[in-house]
Protein backbone atom coordinates (compact mmCIF):
# COMPACT_ATOMS: atom_id res chain seq x y z
CA MET A 1 -188.91 -105.95 68.33
CA LYS A 2 -190.14 -106.53 71.86
CA ARG A 3 -191.28 -103.36 73.12
CA HIS A 4 -192.61 -102.90 76.80
CA LEU A 5 -195.14 -99.72 77.16
CA LEU A 6 -195.85 -98.17 80.34
CA GLY A 7 -200.00 -97.10 81.24
CA ILE A 8 -200.80 -99.35 78.34
CA GLY A 9 -204.33 -99.18 79.70
CA GLY A 10 -204.80 -95.44 78.60
CA VAL A 11 -206.14 -95.12 75.25
CA GLY A 12 -203.40 -93.33 73.64
CA MET A 13 -201.15 -96.00 74.57
CA SER A 14 -203.49 -98.66 74.20
CA ALA A 15 -203.74 -97.71 70.56
CA LEU A 16 -200.11 -97.49 70.16
CA ALA A 17 -199.79 -101.02 71.33
CA THR A 18 -202.58 -102.58 69.08
CA ALA A 19 -200.95 -100.78 66.18
CA LEU A 20 -197.26 -102.07 66.81
CA LYS A 21 -198.74 -105.25 67.39
CA ARG A 22 -200.58 -105.55 64.18
CA LEU A 23 -197.60 -104.03 62.50
CA GLY A 24 -195.81 -107.14 63.59
CA ASP A 25 -193.99 -106.26 67.11
CA ASP A 26 -193.80 -108.15 70.19
CA VAL A 27 -195.65 -106.04 72.51
CA SER A 28 -196.28 -106.04 76.68
CA GLY A 29 -197.30 -103.46 78.76
CA ALA A 30 -197.54 -102.25 82.46
CA ASP A 31 -200.43 -100.48 84.21
CA ARG A 32 -201.74 -99.38 87.52
CA ASN A 33 -205.31 -100.70 86.64
CA LEU A 34 -205.69 -103.81 85.08
CA GLU A 35 -209.57 -104.20 85.07
CA THR A 36 -210.46 -101.86 82.45
CA ALA A 37 -212.10 -102.56 78.98
CA ASN A 38 -209.00 -101.55 76.98
CA ILE A 39 -206.91 -103.78 79.38
CA ARG A 40 -209.27 -106.70 78.15
CA PHE A 41 -209.12 -105.94 74.61
CA LEU A 42 -205.39 -105.95 74.48
CA GLU A 43 -205.10 -109.06 76.12
CA SER A 44 -207.57 -110.81 73.59
CA ILE A 45 -204.85 -109.83 70.75
CA GLY A 46 -202.39 -111.13 72.47
CA ILE A 47 -200.49 -108.57 74.72
CA ARG A 48 -199.44 -109.10 77.69
CA CYS A 49 -200.28 -106.60 80.37
CA LEU A 50 -198.69 -106.68 83.74
CA PRO A 51 -198.89 -104.63 86.98
CA ASP A 52 -197.03 -101.88 87.21
CA ASP A 53 -194.17 -102.95 89.28
CA GLY A 54 -191.31 -103.32 86.79
CA SER A 55 -191.84 -107.03 86.68
CA GLY A 56 -192.18 -106.85 82.79
CA VAL A 57 -188.85 -105.42 82.23
CA ASP A 58 -186.11 -107.78 81.87
CA ALA A 59 -183.08 -108.36 79.32
CA THR A 60 -185.25 -109.49 76.46
CA VAL A 61 -186.75 -106.06 76.28
CA ASP A 62 -185.62 -104.26 73.65
CA GLU A 63 -187.17 -100.85 74.38
CA ILE A 64 -189.69 -99.17 76.86
CA VAL A 65 -192.15 -96.54 75.59
CA VAL A 66 -193.70 -94.14 78.13
CA SER A 67 -195.97 -91.09 77.58
CA THR A 68 -195.46 -87.78 79.64
CA ALA A 69 -197.47 -88.86 82.48
CA ILE A 70 -195.30 -91.85 83.36
CA GLU A 71 -193.14 -90.14 86.55
CA ALA A 72 -189.24 -90.43 86.59
CA ASP A 73 -189.24 -92.83 89.53
CA ASN A 74 -191.40 -95.64 87.96
CA PRO A 75 -190.13 -99.47 89.15
CA ALA A 76 -189.80 -100.27 85.07
CA LEU A 77 -187.83 -97.01 84.22
CA ARG A 78 -185.59 -97.54 87.21
CA LYS A 79 -185.30 -101.36 85.94
CA ALA A 80 -184.60 -100.29 82.23
CA GLY A 81 -181.84 -97.75 83.44
CA GLU A 82 -180.31 -100.74 85.36
CA LEU A 83 -180.14 -103.11 82.35
CA GLY A 84 -179.27 -100.04 79.81
CA ILE A 85 -182.78 -100.41 77.86
CA PRO A 86 -183.53 -97.38 75.85
CA VAL A 87 -186.91 -95.21 76.98
CA ILE A 88 -188.60 -93.31 74.22
CA HIS A 89 -191.91 -91.34 74.02
CA ARG A 90 -194.85 -92.73 72.80
CA ALA A 91 -195.22 -89.92 69.87
CA ARG A 92 -192.06 -90.97 68.71
CA ALA A 93 -192.88 -94.67 68.46
CA LEU A 94 -196.02 -93.74 66.74
CA SER A 95 -193.96 -91.55 64.07
CA ARG A 96 -191.56 -94.77 63.48
CA ALA A 97 -194.42 -97.04 63.30
CA LEU A 98 -196.16 -95.17 60.71
CA GLY A 99 -193.21 -94.55 58.54
CA GLY A 100 -194.15 -96.88 56.13
CA TYR A 101 -197.53 -94.73 55.04
CA ARG A 102 -198.15 -91.36 54.16
CA LEU A 103 -199.11 -89.82 57.14
CA VAL A 104 -202.26 -87.34 57.73
CA ALA A 105 -201.82 -85.85 61.19
CA VAL A 106 -204.85 -84.48 62.99
CA ALA A 107 -203.92 -81.78 65.51
CA GLY A 108 -205.89 -79.13 67.44
CA THR A 109 -207.06 -78.27 70.89
CA CYS A 110 -210.70 -79.81 70.12
CA GLY A 111 -212.47 -82.21 68.15
CA LYS A 112 -209.03 -84.01 66.83
CA SER A 113 -210.20 -87.71 67.70
CA THR A 114 -213.54 -86.90 66.05
CA VAL A 115 -211.86 -85.45 63.06
CA THR A 116 -209.39 -88.26 62.91
CA ALA A 117 -212.48 -91.14 62.96
CA MET A 118 -213.92 -89.29 60.40
CA LEU A 119 -211.46 -89.05 58.08
CA GLY A 120 -210.55 -92.76 58.61
CA HIS A 121 -213.98 -93.93 58.07
CA ILE A 122 -214.33 -91.47 55.05
CA LEU A 123 -211.02 -92.89 53.34
CA ALA A 124 -211.94 -96.61 54.07
CA GLU A 125 -215.65 -96.05 52.54
CA CYS A 126 -213.48 -94.45 49.29
CA GLY A 127 -211.38 -97.49 48.84
CA PHE A 128 -208.06 -96.17 50.19
CA ASP A 129 -207.92 -98.49 53.24
CA PRO A 130 -205.98 -96.47 55.18
CA MET A 131 -203.95 -97.20 58.91
CA CYS A 132 -206.03 -94.96 61.41
CA VAL A 133 -204.59 -94.49 64.82
CA ASN A 134 -206.64 -92.43 67.07
CA GLY A 135 -206.87 -90.62 70.53
CA ALA A 136 -210.46 -92.38 71.32
CA ASN A 137 -212.09 -95.85 70.73
CA VAL A 138 -214.27 -95.81 67.48
CA PRO A 139 -217.32 -98.52 67.05
CA GLY A 140 -216.30 -100.92 64.58
CA TRP A 141 -212.33 -100.64 64.80
CA GLU A 142 -209.75 -102.39 67.21
CA GLY A 143 -210.76 -99.98 69.78
CA ALA A 144 -208.57 -96.69 68.66
CA VAL A 145 -207.04 -98.40 65.64
CA ARG A 146 -208.41 -99.15 61.99
CA PHE A 147 -205.61 -101.43 60.56
CA GLY A 148 -205.15 -101.07 56.97
CA LYS A 149 -202.81 -101.47 54.15
CA GLY A 150 -203.28 -98.37 51.64
CA ASP A 151 -200.82 -95.88 51.21
CA TYR A 152 -202.37 -93.23 53.82
CA ALA A 153 -202.22 -93.43 57.60
CA VAL A 154 -204.24 -90.99 59.67
CA ALA A 155 -203.03 -90.25 63.19
CA GLU A 156 -204.18 -87.84 66.17
CA VAL A 157 -200.98 -86.01 67.34
CA ASP A 158 -200.86 -84.34 70.80
CA GLU A 159 -200.40 -80.76 71.55
CA SER A 160 -200.28 -80.97 75.11
CA ASP A 161 -196.79 -81.65 75.56
CA LYS A 162 -195.79 -80.82 72.20
CA SER A 163 -194.85 -84.20 71.19
CA LEU A 164 -196.44 -83.56 67.80
CA VAL A 165 -193.35 -82.57 66.85
CA GLU A 166 -191.97 -85.88 66.70
CA PHE A 167 -194.04 -86.17 63.45
CA SER A 168 -192.91 -85.51 60.03
CA PRO A 169 -196.51 -85.68 58.21
CA TYR A 170 -197.26 -85.83 54.40
CA ALA A 171 -200.56 -83.73 55.33
CA ALA A 172 -202.41 -82.12 58.57
CA ILE A 173 -205.78 -80.84 59.77
CA VAL A 174 -205.81 -78.64 62.20
CA THR A 175 -209.03 -78.07 63.95
CA ASN A 176 -208.44 -75.04 66.28
CA ALA A 177 -206.19 -73.44 68.70
CA SER A 178 -207.18 -72.35 72.28
CA ALA A 179 -205.83 -71.70 75.79
CA ASP A 180 -205.63 -75.20 77.52
CA HIS A 181 -202.34 -76.68 78.24
CA TYR A 182 -201.02 -73.47 77.19
CA SER A 183 -201.90 -69.83 76.65
CA LYS A 184 -203.86 -69.21 73.08
CA LEU A 185 -200.67 -67.73 71.65
CA GLU A 186 -198.03 -70.70 72.75
CA MET A 187 -200.58 -72.65 70.95
CA ASP A 188 -200.53 -71.02 67.91
CA ALA A 189 -197.02 -70.74 67.58
CA VAL A 190 -197.06 -74.44 68.01
CA PHE A 191 -199.09 -75.22 65.40
CA ASP A 192 -197.26 -72.61 63.12
CA ALA A 193 -194.36 -74.45 63.62
CA PHE A 194 -196.10 -77.84 63.09
CA VAL A 195 -197.36 -77.01 59.70
CA LYS A 196 -194.73 -74.69 58.48
CA ASP A 197 -193.23 -77.73 56.30
CA ILE A 198 -195.68 -79.87 55.30
CA SER A 199 -195.28 -80.58 51.71
CA GLY A 200 -199.04 -81.97 51.42
CA PRO A 201 -202.32 -80.59 51.80
CA VAL A 202 -203.15 -78.31 55.05
CA VAL A 203 -206.57 -77.78 56.64
CA ASP A 204 -206.12 -75.04 59.10
CA ALA A 205 -209.44 -74.35 60.57
CA ARG A 206 -208.07 -71.90 63.33
CA GLY A 207 -209.25 -68.95 61.39
CA GLU A 208 -213.00 -70.28 60.82
CA VAL A 209 -215.99 -69.01 63.07
CA TYR A 210 -218.40 -71.67 64.16
CA ARG A 211 -221.12 -71.25 66.88
CA PRO A 212 -220.46 -73.82 69.88
CA GLN A 213 -223.54 -75.61 68.83
CA ASP A 214 -222.12 -76.34 65.13
CA TYR A 215 -218.86 -77.87 66.27
CA MET A 216 -219.89 -81.42 64.80
CA ARG A 217 -220.39 -79.77 61.32
CA GLN A 218 -217.37 -77.98 61.64
CA ASN A 219 -215.33 -81.52 62.30
CA GLU A 220 -217.38 -83.02 59.30
CA SER A 221 -216.34 -80.47 56.96
CA LEU A 222 -212.41 -80.92 57.93
CA ALA A 223 -212.92 -84.47 57.49
CA VAL A 224 -214.53 -84.28 53.84
CA ARG A 225 -212.13 -81.64 52.63
CA MET A 226 -208.98 -83.55 53.61
CA ALA A 227 -210.56 -86.67 51.70
CA VAL A 228 -211.20 -84.67 48.81
CA LEU A 229 -207.67 -83.12 48.66
CA LEU A 230 -206.39 -86.66 49.12
CA GLY A 231 -208.23 -87.65 45.98
CA ALA A 232 -211.44 -88.75 47.28
CA ASP A 233 -214.41 -87.95 45.27
CA GLU A 234 -216.34 -85.12 46.79
CA LYS A 235 -219.78 -86.70 46.41
CA GLN A 236 -218.56 -90.16 47.65
CA ALA A 237 -216.92 -88.34 50.40
CA ARG A 238 -219.97 -86.46 51.66
CA GLU A 239 -222.06 -89.84 51.30
CA ALA A 240 -219.61 -91.83 53.51
CA MET A 241 -219.72 -89.16 56.12
CA ALA A 242 -223.34 -89.41 56.37
CA SER A 243 -222.67 -93.41 57.49
CA PHE A 244 -220.38 -92.42 60.13
CA GLY A 245 -221.02 -94.14 63.36
CA GLY A 246 -219.40 -91.73 65.76
CA VAL A 247 -217.05 -91.96 68.50
CA GLU A 248 -217.13 -93.42 71.86
CA ARG A 249 -217.53 -91.00 74.88
CA ARG A 250 -217.89 -87.90 72.01
CA LEU A 251 -221.80 -87.40 72.96
CA GLN A 252 -222.07 -91.01 73.30
CA ARG A 253 -225.83 -91.88 74.09
CA HIS A 254 -226.57 -94.48 76.19
CA ALA A 255 -230.04 -93.88 76.21
CA PRO A 256 -232.45 -91.12 74.23
CA ASN A 257 -231.67 -88.57 77.14
CA VAL A 258 -228.57 -90.01 78.50
CA TYR A 259 -225.07 -89.01 77.32
CA ASP A 260 -221.33 -89.77 77.89
CA ASP A 261 -218.28 -87.63 76.62
CA TYR A 262 -214.95 -86.55 76.84
CA ALA A 263 -215.09 -83.02 77.58
CA HIS A 264 -212.43 -81.75 80.37
CA ASN A 265 -211.55 -78.41 79.64
CA PRO A 266 -213.43 -75.20 79.35
CA GLU A 267 -213.97 -74.93 75.74
CA LYS A 268 -214.92 -78.55 75.73
CA LEU A 269 -217.39 -78.51 78.39
CA ARG A 270 -219.03 -75.00 77.02
CA ALA A 271 -219.25 -76.59 73.62
CA MET A 272 -220.93 -79.91 75.43
CA TRP A 273 -222.83 -77.98 77.38
CA MET A 274 -224.69 -75.46 74.93
CA THR A 275 -225.21 -78.27 72.36
CA LEU A 276 -227.18 -80.16 74.96
CA ALA A 277 -228.99 -77.07 76.36
CA GLU A 278 -230.36 -76.28 72.87
CA ARG A 279 -231.61 -79.86 72.85
CA HIS A 280 -233.08 -80.10 76.15
CA PRO A 281 -234.57 -76.52 77.42
CA GLY A 282 -236.28 -78.26 80.39
CA GLY A 283 -232.65 -79.08 82.04
CA ILE A 284 -229.59 -81.16 82.22
CA CYS A 285 -227.64 -82.70 85.05
CA VAL A 286 -224.05 -83.19 84.35
CA VAL A 287 -221.55 -85.23 86.25
CA TRP A 288 -217.97 -84.17 85.81
CA ARG A 289 -214.92 -85.10 87.21
CA PRO A 290 -211.49 -83.29 86.80
CA HIS A 291 -209.20 -85.40 85.25
CA GLY A 292 -206.12 -84.10 87.26
CA TYR A 293 -204.99 -81.70 89.83
CA ALA A 294 -202.70 -79.69 87.42
CA PRO A 295 -205.18 -78.77 85.01
CA LEU A 296 -207.72 -77.82 87.63
CA ARG A 297 -205.30 -75.64 89.37
CA LYS A 298 -204.73 -73.91 85.86
CA MET A 299 -207.92 -74.01 84.64
CA LEU A 300 -209.91 -72.99 87.70
CA ASP A 301 -210.69 -69.28 86.89
CA ALA A 302 -211.67 -70.32 83.63
CA LEU A 303 -213.88 -73.44 84.29
CA ALA A 304 -215.60 -71.18 87.21
CA ALA A 305 -216.34 -68.39 84.61
CA MET A 306 -217.41 -70.90 81.64
CA PHE A 307 -219.71 -72.67 84.33
CA ASN A 308 -221.18 -69.80 85.58
CA GLU A 309 -221.92 -68.62 82.07
CA VAL A 310 -223.86 -71.72 80.77
CA VAL A 311 -225.00 -73.90 83.60
CA ARG A 312 -229.07 -72.38 83.94
CA PRO A 313 -231.26 -72.38 86.72
CA CYS A 314 -232.73 -75.23 85.38
CA ASP A 315 -229.54 -77.44 85.52
CA ARG A 316 -227.33 -78.73 87.90
CA LEU A 317 -223.16 -79.60 88.02
CA LEU A 318 -222.42 -82.71 90.03
CA LEU A 319 -218.57 -82.41 90.58
CA LEU A 320 -216.86 -85.54 91.62
CA PRO A 321 -213.36 -85.56 93.00
CA VAL A 322 -210.32 -85.00 91.05
CA TYR A 323 -209.27 -88.33 89.17
CA ASP A 324 -206.17 -89.58 91.33
CA ALA A 325 -203.93 -91.80 89.34
CA GLY A 326 -201.52 -92.37 92.26
CA GLY A 327 -197.79 -90.69 92.03
CA THR A 328 -196.78 -87.48 93.60
CA ALA A 329 -199.33 -84.94 92.46
CA ASP A 330 -199.84 -82.01 94.41
CA ARG A 331 -203.18 -82.54 95.64
CA SER A 332 -203.58 -79.08 97.40
CA VAL A 333 -206.68 -78.05 94.84
CA ASN A 334 -209.42 -80.44 94.53
CA SER A 335 -213.16 -80.26 93.33
CA GLY A 336 -214.20 -78.38 96.50
CA GLU A 337 -212.39 -74.97 95.14
CA LEU A 338 -213.77 -74.86 92.11
CA ALA A 339 -217.37 -75.64 93.64
CA ALA A 340 -216.87 -72.82 95.91
CA LYS A 341 -216.90 -70.66 92.93
CA LEU A 342 -219.89 -71.78 91.06
CA GLU A 343 -223.51 -70.63 91.60
CA ASN A 344 -225.37 -74.52 90.67
CA ALA A 345 -223.24 -76.94 91.59
CA GLU A 346 -223.31 -79.91 94.28
CA LEU A 347 -220.14 -82.03 95.20
CA VAL A 348 -220.50 -85.65 95.20
CA ALA A 349 -218.13 -88.24 96.92
CA ASP A 350 -218.01 -90.88 94.25
CA LEU A 351 -219.60 -92.59 91.28
CA ASP A 352 -222.22 -94.53 93.42
CA ASP A 353 -223.06 -90.96 95.31
CA ALA A 354 -223.59 -89.24 91.99
CA CYS A 355 -226.13 -92.18 91.03
CA ARG A 356 -228.05 -91.96 94.40
CA TRP A 357 -228.26 -88.16 93.79
CA ILE A 358 -229.54 -88.53 90.53
CA ALA A 359 -232.10 -91.65 91.35
CA GLY A 360 -233.92 -89.50 93.94
CA ARG A 361 -234.11 -86.44 91.18
CA LYS A 362 -234.62 -88.08 87.81
CA ASP A 363 -237.65 -86.41 87.24
CA ARG A 364 -236.27 -82.78 87.54
CA PHE A 365 -234.15 -82.86 84.45
CA GLU A 366 -234.65 -83.58 80.53
CA ALA A 367 -231.23 -85.40 80.04
CA PHE A 368 -228.03 -86.70 82.13
CA VAL A 369 -224.52 -86.32 80.99
CA THR A 370 -221.15 -87.88 82.61
CA CYS A 371 -217.77 -86.68 81.44
CA GLY A 372 -214.26 -86.16 82.10
CA ALA A 373 -211.11 -87.55 80.90
CA ARG A 374 -208.98 -90.40 82.35
CA ASP A 375 -211.71 -91.92 84.76
CA PRO A 376 -212.61 -95.13 83.47
CA GLY A 377 -215.96 -95.69 85.64
CA LEU A 378 -217.46 -92.75 84.16
CA PRO A 379 -219.22 -94.48 80.72
CA GLY A 380 -220.28 -97.39 83.31
CA LEU A 381 -222.09 -94.58 85.56
CA ALA A 382 -223.77 -93.56 82.31
CA LYS A 383 -225.26 -96.86 81.65
CA ARG A 384 -226.54 -97.06 85.45
CA ILE A 385 -227.73 -93.49 84.90
CA ALA A 386 -229.89 -94.86 81.86
CA ASN A 387 -231.21 -98.18 83.44
CA LEU A 388 -232.40 -95.55 86.23
CA VAL A 389 -234.60 -92.90 83.82
CA ARG A 390 -235.75 -95.73 81.15
């Protein structure tokens, strides 16, 4: 089958593209930004990536795959409508692709990418040879995918648009639930419905209490517990966990005191900040970019309360403008509205401005962090900062 994926450069869609390609599909895609590492990788394995102008859609395409982020007036969707080509959501496409495996779905507001990678690593080390499709790239995998031929697949499933209901997994992990895209009450209802009919093992950590600094220990515990429930030897599973190499953009180090992280909501940002504040009592400088206008508007007060709680006098928050992916978003709220509510933050115009700010004050802080979702330039900024402070 020939499938054309819109927004193929995003980590979720690029992971789907890789999985479909490895499972034998003819895959192409389109994106607004063709100058990213994900796009270069996809092209290296034979996936054709085109501009987001509808040029990749013709009568030979059997199906168009979209995420919730794709707007209704996308040129490829208009063309698909004219040609009568069916359009399906990414989650349904992934669910179908993994239909031949016993699926272990990893859900939760925070930590699911890390737990997915951990569980995939443990099962691989224990001889299960799992197929894994993650929401973050993992060193040693093909981006966010590990192609395996065993009985099990491990996949991150998304609560942000409730598309996790497209999956009928054999087993599941729920890492936690907090107010993010929805209220805490609504999130719990989503996860309750998700796990209700699962026939295999379920590890649901929503009632478990960990200090924010211990979230990595919780992630490790969830992965090991599920691996054992699936039949792995516990001692071997724990030894495998000890050899886990991490996940890209999850407190990823670019120098001993320079990190890059995906944190983008109040809970993830609080956990990241408290972890690094404990490691670096002399002060941290964090460069953060909100990943969208609607999320910033929705989380504005919660973000302000969280930052004012965790940012110490020795720290500094540098706020970049909202990441703008184009389209018809309501741009009436930007980072300036958040900065006005904060006690120890400054606005910076762009990545270059942030780098210049740090270059002039690099001796004032023990550590530096770039964080935020979606912006492909943040890891590059972390590398530039690492070169500055070495």
